[in-house]
N, C-alpha and C. Protein backbone atom coordinates (compact mmCIF):
# COMPACT_ATOMS: atom_id res chain seq x y z
N MET A 1 0.85 -1.20 0.00
CA MET A 1 0.00 0.00 0.00
C MET A 1 0.87 1.23 0.00
N ALA A 2 0.58 2.18 -0.85
CA ALA A 2 1.27 3.46 -0.84
C ALA A 2 0.58 4.36 0.17
N TYR A 3 1.37 5.05 0.95
CA TYR A 3 0.81 5.94 1.96
C TYR A 3 0.78 7.34 1.41
N ASN A 4 -0.40 7.95 1.42
CA ASN A 4 -0.53 9.28 0.87
C ASN A 4 -1.56 10.08 1.65
N VAL A 5 -1.81 11.30 1.18
CA VAL A 5 -2.73 12.19 1.88
C VAL A 5 -4.13 11.60 1.95
N THR A 6 -4.57 10.91 0.93
CA THR A 6 -5.89 10.30 0.94
C THR A 6 -6.02 9.30 2.09
N SER A 7 -5.02 8.45 2.27
CA SER A 7 -5.10 7.48 3.36
C SER A 7 -5.08 8.18 4.71
N LYS A 8 -4.41 9.32 4.82
CA LYS A 8 -4.40 10.08 6.07
C LYS A 8 -5.80 10.57 6.39
N SER A 9 -6.50 11.11 5.40
CA SER A 9 -7.84 11.62 5.67
C SER A 9 -8.80 10.49 6.02
N GLU A 10 -8.63 9.34 5.40
CA GLU A 10 -9.46 8.20 5.73
C GLU A 10 -9.20 7.75 7.17
N CYS A 11 -7.96 7.76 7.59
CA CYS A 11 -7.61 7.36 8.95
C CYS A 11 -8.12 8.35 9.97
N ALA A 12 -8.22 9.60 9.60
CA ALA A 12 -8.68 10.61 10.55
C ALA A 12 -10.11 10.35 11.00
N THR A 13 -10.92 9.71 10.15
CA THR A 13 -12.30 9.43 10.52
C THR A 13 -12.42 8.19 11.41
N ASN A 14 -11.40 7.33 11.40
CA ASN A 14 -11.43 6.11 12.21
C ASN A 14 -10.00 5.77 12.65
N PRO A 15 -9.41 6.58 13.57
CA PRO A 15 -8.00 6.41 13.92
C PRO A 15 -7.66 5.05 14.53
N GLY A 16 -8.56 4.45 15.25
CA GLY A 16 -8.27 3.15 15.86
C GLY A 16 -8.06 2.06 14.84
N ALA A 17 -8.69 2.18 13.69
CA ALA A 17 -8.62 1.15 12.68
C ALA A 17 -7.35 1.23 11.84
N CYS A 18 -6.74 2.40 11.78
CA CYS A 18 -5.57 2.52 10.90
C CYS A 18 -4.49 3.45 11.47
N ALA A 19 -4.25 3.37 12.75
CA ALA A 19 -3.25 4.23 13.39
C ALA A 19 -1.86 4.00 12.81
N VAL A 20 -1.49 2.76 12.56
CA VAL A 20 -0.17 2.46 12.00
C VAL A 20 -0.05 3.04 10.60
N GLU A 21 -1.10 2.89 9.79
CA GLU A 21 -1.07 3.44 8.44
C GLU A 21 -0.94 4.96 8.47
N LEU A 22 -1.63 5.61 9.40
CA LEU A 22 -1.54 7.06 9.53
C LEU A 22 -0.13 7.48 9.92
N ALA A 23 0.46 6.76 10.85
CA ALA A 23 1.84 7.06 11.26
C ALA A 23 2.80 6.88 10.09
N LEU A 24 2.63 5.79 9.35
CA LEU A 24 3.51 5.54 8.20
C LEU A 24 3.31 6.59 7.12
N ALA A 25 2.09 7.03 6.91
CA ALA A 25 1.83 8.07 5.91
C ALA A 25 2.53 9.36 6.30
N THR A 26 2.63 9.63 7.58
CA THR A 26 3.26 10.86 8.05
C THR A 26 4.77 10.83 7.91
N ILE A 27 5.40 9.68 8.13
CA ILE A 27 6.86 9.62 8.08
C ILE A 27 7.41 8.94 6.84
N SER A 28 6.51 8.50 5.94
CA SER A 28 6.99 7.79 4.76
C SER A 28 7.64 8.74 3.77
N GLY A 29 8.40 8.17 2.89
CA GLY A 29 9.12 8.93 1.89
C GLY A 29 10.60 8.60 2.01
N LYS A 30 11.28 8.71 0.92
CA LYS A 30 12.68 8.34 0.89
C LYS A 30 13.53 9.18 1.83
N TRP A 31 13.14 10.43 2.04
CA TRP A 31 14.02 11.37 2.74
C TRP A 31 13.58 11.77 4.14
N LYS A 32 12.33 11.60 4.48
CA LYS A 32 11.82 12.18 5.72
C LYS A 32 12.55 11.73 6.98
N LEU A 33 12.83 10.46 7.11
CA LEU A 33 13.51 10.01 8.32
C LEU A 33 14.96 10.49 8.36
N ARG A 34 15.60 10.59 7.21
CA ARG A 34 16.96 11.14 7.17
C ARG A 34 16.93 12.62 7.53
N MET A 35 15.94 13.34 7.02
CA MET A 35 15.80 14.75 7.36
C MET A 35 15.49 14.92 8.84
N TYR A 36 14.63 14.05 9.36
CA TYR A 36 14.28 14.08 10.77
C TYR A 36 15.54 13.93 11.64
N ALA A 37 16.35 12.94 11.33
CA ALA A 37 17.56 12.68 12.11
C ALA A 37 18.50 13.89 12.06
N LEU A 38 18.63 14.47 10.90
CA LEU A 38 19.51 15.63 10.73
C LEU A 38 19.00 16.84 11.50
N ILE A 39 17.72 17.12 11.39
CA ILE A 39 17.14 18.26 12.11
C ILE A 39 17.25 18.03 13.61
N ARG A 40 16.98 16.82 14.06
CA ARG A 40 17.06 16.52 15.49
C ARG A 40 18.48 16.72 16.01
N LYS A 41 19.46 16.29 15.24
CA LYS A 41 20.86 16.40 15.65
C LYS A 41 21.33 17.85 15.67
N GLU A 42 20.93 18.62 14.69
CA GLU A 42 21.46 19.97 14.51
C GLU A 42 20.65 21.08 15.15
N GLN A 43 19.47 20.83 15.61
CA GLN A 43 18.52 21.86 16.01
C GLN A 43 19.18 23.13 16.51
N PRO A 44 18.91 24.24 15.86
CA PRO A 44 18.13 24.37 14.63
C PRO A 44 18.96 24.00 13.41
N ALA A 45 18.29 23.54 12.38
CA ALA A 45 18.96 23.16 11.13
C ALA A 45 18.54 24.13 10.05
N ARG A 46 19.51 24.68 9.36
CA ARG A 46 19.22 25.60 8.26
C ARG A 46 19.03 24.80 6.97
N TYR A 47 18.28 25.40 6.06
CA TYR A 47 17.95 24.75 4.79
C TYR A 47 19.23 24.32 4.07
N CYS A 48 20.22 25.19 4.00
CA CYS A 48 21.44 24.87 3.24
C CYS A 48 22.19 23.70 3.88
N LEU A 49 22.16 23.58 5.19
CA LEU A 49 22.81 22.46 5.86
C LEU A 49 22.11 21.15 5.49
N ILE A 50 20.79 21.16 5.54
CA ILE A 50 20.03 19.95 5.19
C ILE A 50 20.32 19.57 3.75
N ASN A 51 20.29 20.54 2.86
CA ASN A 51 20.55 20.29 1.44
C ASN A 51 21.95 19.74 1.21
N ASN A 52 22.94 20.29 1.91
CA ASN A 52 24.32 19.83 1.75
C ASN A 52 24.53 18.43 2.32
N GLN A 53 23.88 18.11 3.42
CA GLN A 53 24.04 16.80 4.05
C GLN A 53 23.34 15.70 3.25
N LEU A 54 22.24 16.05 2.62
CA LEU A 54 21.50 15.08 1.79
C LEU A 54 21.82 15.38 0.33
N ASN A 55 23.03 15.13 -0.06
CA ASN A 55 23.52 15.60 -1.35
C ASN A 55 22.84 14.99 -2.57
N ASP A 56 22.08 13.92 -2.43
CA ASP A 56 21.40 13.33 -3.58
C ASP A 56 19.97 13.83 -3.75
N ILE A 57 19.50 14.68 -2.87
CA ILE A 57 18.11 15.15 -2.92
C ILE A 57 18.02 16.40 -3.80
N SER A 58 16.97 16.49 -4.59
CA SER A 58 16.76 17.69 -5.39
C SER A 58 16.16 18.77 -4.49
N GLU A 59 16.37 20.02 -4.85
CA GLU A 59 15.82 21.12 -4.05
C GLU A 59 14.30 21.09 -4.05
N LYS A 60 13.70 20.68 -5.16
CA LYS A 60 12.24 20.56 -5.23
C LYS A 60 11.73 19.53 -4.23
N THR A 61 12.37 18.37 -4.18
CA THR A 61 11.97 17.32 -3.25
C THR A 61 12.22 17.75 -1.82
N LEU A 62 13.36 18.37 -1.56
CA LEU A 62 13.67 18.83 -0.21
C LEU A 62 12.62 19.81 0.28
N SER A 63 12.30 20.79 -0.54
CA SER A 63 11.29 21.78 -0.17
C SER A 63 9.93 21.12 0.08
N ALA A 64 9.55 20.20 -0.80
CA ALA A 64 8.25 19.53 -0.66
C ALA A 64 8.20 18.71 0.62
N GLN A 65 9.27 17.96 0.91
CA GLN A 65 9.30 17.12 2.11
C GLN A 65 9.28 17.98 3.38
N LEU A 66 10.01 19.09 3.38
CA LEU A 66 10.00 20.00 4.54
C LEU A 66 8.61 20.58 4.75
N LYS A 67 7.95 20.97 3.65
CA LYS A 67 6.58 21.51 3.77
C LYS A 67 5.62 20.46 4.32
N GLU A 68 5.76 19.21 3.87
CA GLU A 68 4.90 18.14 4.38
C GLU A 68 5.15 17.92 5.87
N MET A 69 6.40 17.91 6.27
CA MET A 69 6.73 17.70 7.68
C MET A 69 6.21 18.86 8.54
N GLU A 70 6.26 20.05 7.98
CA GLU A 70 5.72 21.22 8.69
C GLU A 70 4.19 21.11 8.78
N ARG A 71 3.55 20.77 7.68
CA ARG A 71 2.10 20.62 7.65
C ARG A 71 1.63 19.54 8.62
N ASP A 72 2.41 18.47 8.75
CA ASP A 72 2.05 17.37 9.63
C ASP A 72 2.41 17.63 11.09
N GLY A 73 3.03 18.77 11.37
CA GLY A 73 3.33 19.14 12.75
C GLY A 73 4.59 18.53 13.32
N ILE A 74 5.45 17.98 12.47
CA ILE A 74 6.69 17.36 12.92
C ILE A 74 7.78 18.41 13.15
N ILE A 75 7.82 19.40 12.28
CA ILE A 75 8.82 20.47 12.39
C ILE A 75 8.12 21.82 12.33
N VAL A 76 8.87 22.83 12.74
CA VAL A 76 8.42 24.20 12.61
C VAL A 76 9.48 24.95 11.81
N ARG A 77 9.03 25.80 10.93
CA ARG A 77 9.91 26.61 10.08
C ARG A 77 9.95 28.01 10.66
N ILE A 78 11.15 28.50 10.94
CA ILE A 78 11.32 29.83 11.52
C ILE A 78 12.07 30.69 10.51
N VAL A 79 11.44 31.79 10.12
CA VAL A 79 12.05 32.72 9.17
C VAL A 79 12.43 33.98 9.94
N TYR A 80 13.69 34.35 9.85
CA TYR A 80 14.18 35.54 10.52
C TYR A 80 14.17 36.71 9.53
N PRO A 81 13.69 37.87 9.96
CA PRO A 81 13.60 39.03 9.06
C PRO A 81 14.97 39.68 8.85
N GLU A 82 15.80 39.01 8.10
CA GLU A 82 17.15 39.48 7.80
C GLU A 82 17.32 39.49 6.30
N VAL A 83 18.37 40.15 5.85
CA VAL A 83 18.72 40.13 4.44
C VAL A 83 20.12 39.57 4.32
N PRO A 84 20.31 38.44 3.66
CA PRO A 84 19.29 37.56 3.11
C PRO A 84 18.52 36.84 4.23
N PRO A 85 17.31 36.40 3.94
CA PRO A 85 16.51 35.75 4.97
C PRO A 85 17.19 34.48 5.49
N ARG A 86 17.09 34.28 6.77
CA ARG A 86 17.62 33.06 7.41
C ARG A 86 16.42 32.20 7.79
N VAL A 87 16.45 30.94 7.35
CA VAL A 87 15.37 30.01 7.64
C VAL A 87 15.96 28.84 8.41
N GLU A 88 15.31 28.52 9.54
CA GLU A 88 15.74 27.40 10.36
C GLU A 88 14.57 26.47 10.61
N TYR A 89 14.90 25.21 10.84
CA TYR A 89 13.89 24.20 11.13
C TYR A 89 14.20 23.57 12.48
N ARG A 90 13.15 23.39 13.27
CA ARG A 90 13.25 22.74 14.57
C ARG A 90 12.12 21.71 14.68
N LEU A 91 12.34 20.73 15.54
CA LEU A 91 11.29 19.77 15.81
C LEU A 91 10.25 20.38 16.74
N THR A 92 9.02 20.04 16.53
CA THR A 92 7.95 20.42 17.45
C THR A 92 7.93 19.40 18.58
N GLU A 93 7.05 19.60 19.53
CA GLU A 93 6.89 18.61 20.60
C GLU A 93 6.47 17.26 20.01
N LEU A 94 5.58 17.31 19.03
CA LEU A 94 5.18 16.08 18.34
C LEU A 94 6.38 15.44 17.64
N GLY A 95 7.20 16.26 17.00
CA GLY A 95 8.40 15.75 16.33
C GLY A 95 9.37 15.13 17.31
N GLU A 96 9.52 15.74 18.47
CA GLU A 96 10.40 15.16 19.50
C GLU A 96 9.89 13.80 19.94
N SER A 97 8.56 13.66 20.02
CA SER A 97 7.99 12.38 20.47
C SER A 97 8.24 11.26 19.45
N LEU A 98 8.55 11.61 18.22
CA LEU A 98 8.85 10.63 17.18
C LEU A 98 10.20 9.94 17.42
N GLN A 99 11.04 10.49 18.28
CA GLN A 99 12.37 9.92 18.52
C GLN A 99 12.30 8.47 18.99
N VAL A 100 11.32 8.15 19.81
CA VAL A 100 11.17 6.78 20.30
C VAL A 100 10.94 5.83 19.12
N VAL A 101 10.09 6.24 18.20
CA VAL A 101 9.80 5.43 17.02
C VAL A 101 11.04 5.34 16.13
N PHE A 102 11.72 6.45 15.95
CA PHE A 102 12.92 6.49 15.13
C PHE A 102 13.98 5.53 15.68
N GLU A 103 14.20 5.56 16.99
CA GLU A 103 15.18 4.66 17.61
C GLU A 103 14.77 3.21 17.46
N ALA A 104 13.47 2.93 17.62
CA ALA A 104 12.99 1.55 17.46
C ALA A 104 13.20 1.07 16.02
N LEU A 105 12.90 1.91 15.05
CA LEU A 105 13.13 1.54 13.64
C LEU A 105 14.62 1.33 13.37
N ASN A 106 15.45 2.19 13.92
CA ASN A 106 16.89 2.07 13.75
C ASN A 106 17.40 0.76 14.35
N ASN A 107 16.97 0.45 15.56
CA ASN A 107 17.39 -0.80 16.20
C ASN A 107 16.90 -2.02 15.44
N TRP A 108 15.65 -1.97 14.98
CA TRP A 108 15.11 -3.07 14.20
C TRP A 108 15.90 -3.24 12.91
N GLY A 109 16.22 -2.14 12.25
CA GLY A 109 16.98 -2.19 11.00
C GLY A 109 18.36 -2.80 11.20
N LYS A 110 19.03 -2.43 12.28
CA LYS A 110 20.35 -3.01 12.58
C LYS A 110 20.24 -4.51 12.83
N ALA A 111 19.21 -4.91 13.60
CA ALA A 111 19.02 -6.33 13.87
C ALA A 111 18.72 -7.09 12.57
N TYR A 112 17.92 -6.49 11.71
CA TYR A 112 17.59 -7.11 10.43
C TYR A 112 18.85 -7.30 9.58
N ILE A 113 19.68 -6.28 9.55
CA ILE A 113 20.94 -6.38 8.80
C ILE A 113 21.79 -7.51 9.35
N ASN A 114 21.93 -7.56 10.66
CA ASN A 114 22.75 -8.60 11.29
C ASN A 114 22.18 -10.00 11.08
N ASP A 115 20.86 -10.13 11.16
CA ASP A 115 20.23 -11.44 11.06
C ASP A 115 20.01 -11.91 9.64
N ARG A 116 19.71 -10.99 8.73
CA ARG A 116 19.29 -11.38 7.39
C ARG A 116 20.30 -11.06 6.29
N ILE A 117 21.01 -9.97 6.44
CA ILE A 117 21.88 -9.54 5.34
C ILE A 117 23.32 -9.96 5.57
N MET A 118 23.82 -9.76 6.77
CA MET A 118 25.21 -10.10 7.05
C MET A 118 25.48 -11.60 6.97
N PRO A 119 24.60 -12.47 7.45
CA PRO A 119 24.87 -13.91 7.30
C PRO A 119 25.00 -14.34 5.85
N GLU A 120 24.22 -13.72 4.94
CA GLU A 120 24.29 -14.06 3.52
C GLU A 120 25.65 -13.69 2.93
N SER A 121 26.23 -12.59 3.38
CA SER A 121 27.50 -12.15 2.81
C SER A 121 28.67 -13.02 3.26
N SER A 122 28.48 -13.80 4.34
CA SER A 122 29.58 -14.66 4.81
C SER A 122 29.53 -16.05 4.19
N GLU A 123 28.49 -16.31 3.41
CA GLU A 123 28.37 -17.65 2.80
C GLU A 123 29.28 -17.79 1.60
């Protein structure tokens, strides 16, 4: 199943039935968890830092993913009235609460690599 805005709206009407799908729709995407980790580590993280650290991401995709994360309440975008404008991203309280999930996914991924991928490479 692809997770998208439509599935989010469907889950909003019956959260108990699809809470996992709603969570996955919010954090899914090739870049969101990498962006999350970077913003969490650097808080505040400037746009140029995120762009430089994720060197394979297009600016269009980066902007779109940041807007989605802001819309979903994971991050907040702070624009300072300077010339040139300075834009920083920070995690919201909701975004901070995602750290537990992020760590669990990271630990699961490491265990999966050790159990499923590394044994194959030694054969």
